[in-house]
Amino acid sequence: MTKTSFADAGVQYPPRTGAEPCTDRTEDYFPDSGSSVTQTALACLDCPIVADCLAWALHHEEYGVWGASTAAQRTELRKRYGITLIWRLT
């Protein structure tokens, strides 16, 4: 895992190792509206790239579970740290 600043808009998508919990269950990471994502987010905590995944998602992902965070949690983090989704900058 590389050390990445969450505020760095240039952060690259983390290289996958194949050991990520989301590798085999991608549908769990993009649940239907209103579905609980707590268990899915907790599974991320064992992921070897969780911090890098979160750093990337803060700048690139509006939906789904990324880096042990829900969409709502990332929205709050963006507000707190003044981060804007990359696609909204263009």
C-alpha atoms as a PDB file:
ATOM      1  CA  MET A   1       0.000   0.000   0.000  1.00  0.00           C
ATOM      2  CA  THR A   2       1.275   3.415  -0.874  1.00  0.00           C
ATOM      3  CA  LYS A   3       0.842   6.403   1.399  1.00  0.00           C
ATOM      4  CA  THR A   4      -1.579   8.765  -0.269  1.00  0.00           C
ATOM      5  CA  SER A   5      -3.007  12.071   0.832  1.00  0.00           C
ATOM      6  CA  PHE A   6      -6.791  11.959   0.728  1.00  0.00           C
ATOM      7  CA  ALA A   7      -6.765  15.536  -0.544  1.00  0.00           C
ATOM      8  CA  ASP A   8      -4.570  14.669  -3.563  1.00  0.00           C
ATOM      9  CA  ALA A   9      -6.801  14.889  -6.653  1.00  0.00           C
ATOM     10  CA  GLY A  10      -4.087  13.208  -8.714  1.00  0.00           C
ATOM     11  CA  VAL A  11      -4.284   9.940  -6.802  1.00  0.00           C
ATOM     12  CA  GLN A  12      -4.336   6.958  -9.173  1.00  0.00           C
ATOM     13  CA  TYR A  13      -6.657   3.957  -9.003  1.00  0.00           C
ATOM     14  CA  PRO A  14      -4.870   1.502  -6.711  1.00  0.00           C
ATOM     15  CA  PRO A  15      -3.361  -1.590  -8.310  1.00  0.00           C
ATOM     16  CA  ARG A  16      -5.443  -4.670  -7.565  1.00  0.00           C
ATOM     17  CA  THR A  17      -3.812  -7.664  -5.928  1.00  0.00           C
ATOM     18  CA  GLY A  18      -6.662 -10.157  -6.291  1.00  0.00           C
ATOM     19  CA  ALA A  19      -6.953 -10.373  -2.496  1.00  0.00           C
ATOM     20  CA  GLU A  20      -9.546  -7.609  -2.259  1.00  0.00           C
ATOM     21  CA  PRO A  21     -12.906  -8.658  -0.747  1.00  0.00           C
ATOM     22  CA  CYS A  22     -14.723  -6.956  -3.637  1.00  0.00           C
ATOM     23  CA  THR A  23     -12.997  -9.083  -6.282  1.00  0.00           C
ATOM     24  CA  ASP A  24     -15.618 -11.839  -6.240  1.00  0.00           C
ATOM     25  CA  ARG A  25     -18.670  -9.942  -4.950  1.00  0.00           C
ATOM     26  CA  THR A  26     -18.822  -6.698  -6.891  1.00  0.00           C
ATOM     27  CA  GLU A  27     -22.627  -6.597  -6.731  1.00  0.00           C
ATOM     28  CA  ASP A  28     -22.430  -6.243  -2.931  1.00  0.00           C
ATOM     29  CA  TYR A  29     -20.523  -3.000  -3.354  1.00  0.00           C
ATOM     30  CA  PHE A  30     -23.242  -1.353  -5.456  1.00  0.00           C
ATOM     31  CA  PRO A  31     -26.426  -2.212  -3.528  1.00  0.00           C
ATOM     32  CA  ASP A  32     -29.950  -1.173  -4.389  1.00  0.00           C
ATOM     33  CA  SER A  33     -31.132   2.057  -2.871  1.00  0.00           C
ATOM     34  CA  GLY A  34     -31.987   1.622   0.801  1.00  0.00           C
ATOM     35  CA  SER A  35     -29.992  -1.601   1.218  1.00  0.00           C
ATOM     36  CA  SER A  36     -27.696  -1.917   4.199  1.00  0.00           C
ATOM     37  CA  VAL A  37     -24.034  -1.608   3.304  1.00  0.00           C
ATOM     38  CA  THR A  38     -22.608  -1.952   6.796  1.00  0.00           C
ATOM     39  CA  GLN A  39     -21.394  -5.551   6.372  1.00  0.00           C
ATOM     40  CA  THR A  40     -19.979  -4.761   2.961  1.00  0.00           C
ATOM     41  CA  ALA A  41     -18.055  -1.750   4.269  1.00  0.00           C
ATOM     42  CA  LEU A  42     -16.739  -3.819   7.175  1.00  0.00           C
ATOM     43  CA  ALA A  43     -15.390  -6.413   4.721  1.00  0.00           C
ATOM     44  CA  CYS A  44     -13.211  -3.647   3.255  1.00  0.00           C
ATOM     45  CA  LEU A  45     -11.326  -3.318   6.523  1.00  0.00           C
ATOM     46  CA  ASP A  46      -9.401  -6.518   5.715  1.00  0.00           C
ATOM     47  CA  CYS A  47      -8.475  -5.260   2.253  1.00  0.00           C
ATOM     48  CA  PRO A  48      -4.804  -4.683   1.447  1.00  0.00           C
ATOM     49  CA  ILE A  49      -5.591  -1.486  -0.522  1.00  0.00           C
ATOM     50  CA  VAL A  50      -8.363   0.022   1.630  1.00  0.00           C
ATOM     51  CA  ALA A  51      -6.652   3.383   2.259  1.00  0.00           C
ATOM     52  CA  ASP A  52      -5.663   3.875  -1.377  1.00  0.00           C
ATOM     53  CA  CYS A  53      -9.146   2.823  -2.492  1.00  0.00           C
ATOM     54  CA  LEU A  54     -10.725   5.421  -0.206  1.00  0.00           C
ATOM     55  CA  ALA A  55      -8.329   8.139  -1.378  1.00  0.00           C
ATOM     56  CA  TRP A  56      -9.220   7.402  -5.008  1.00  0.00           C
ATOM     57  CA  ALA A  57     -12.952   7.145  -4.333  1.00  0.00           C
ATOM     58  CA  LEU A  58     -13.071  10.515  -2.583  1.00  0.00           C
ATOM     59  CA  HIS A  59     -12.205  12.102  -5.931  1.00  0.00           C
ATOM     60  CA  HIS A  60     -13.875   9.710  -8.377  1.00  0.00           C
ATOM     61  CA  GLU A  61     -16.811   7.736  -6.945  1.00  0.00           C
ATOM     62  CA  GLU A  62     -20.231   9.066  -6.040  1.00  0.00           C
ATOM     63  CA  TYR A  63     -21.962   5.696  -5.585  1.00  0.00           C
ATOM     64  CA  GLY A  64     -21.222   2.356  -3.964  1.00  0.00           C
ATOM     65  CA  VAL A  65     -18.934   1.171  -1.193  1.00  0.00           C
ATOM     66  CA  TRP A  66     -15.279   2.099  -1.680  1.00  0.00           C
ATOM     67  CA  GLY A  67     -12.434   2.027   0.839  1.00  0.00           C
ATOM     68  CA  ALA A  68     -14.715   0.932   3.694  1.00  0.00           C
ATOM     69  CA  SER A  69     -16.919   3.987   3.154  1.00  0.00           C
ATOM     70  CA  THR A  70     -20.452   4.477   1.970  1.00  0.00           C
ATOM     71  CA  ALA A  71     -21.496   7.157  -0.507  1.00  0.00           C
ATOM     72  CA  ALA A  72     -22.906   9.227   2.375  1.00  0.00           C
ATOM     73  CA  GLN A  73     -19.686   8.941   4.376  1.00  0.00           C
ATOM     74  CA  ARG A  74     -17.599  10.052   1.394  1.00  0.00           C
ATOM     75  CA  THR A  75     -19.938  13.000   0.831  1.00  0.00           C
ATOM     76  CA  GLU A  76     -19.343  14.061   4.432  1.00  0.00           C
ATOM     77  CA  LEU A  77     -15.579  13.641   4.089  1.00  0.00           C
ATOM     78  CA  ARG A  78     -15.593  15.710   0.891  1.00  0.00           C
ATOM     79  CA  LYS A  79     -17.455  18.513   2.657  1.00  0.00           C
ATOM     80  CA  ARG A  80     -15.133  18.373   5.665  1.00  0.00           C
ATOM     81  CA  TYR A  81     -11.918  18.445   3.609  1.00  0.00           C
ATOM     82  CA  GLY A  82     -13.048  20.555   0.646  1.00  0.00           C
ATOM     83  CA  ILE A  83     -12.742  17.758  -1.920  1.00  0.00           C
ATOM     84  CA  THR A  84     -14.660  17.924  -5.196  1.00  0.00           C
ATOM     85  CA  LEU A  85     -15.401  14.939  -7.404  1.00  0.00           C
ATOM     86  CA  ILE A  86     -13.098  15.089 -10.437  1.00  0.00           C
ATOM     87  CA  TRP A  87     -15.926  14.844 -12.973  1.00  0.00           C
ATOM     88  CA  ARG A  88     -17.569  17.891 -11.406  1.00  0.00           C
ATOM     89  CA  LEU A  89     -14.437  19.953 -11.999  1.00  0.00           C
ATOM     90  CA  THR A  90     -14.670  19.635 -15.791  1.00  0.00           C
END
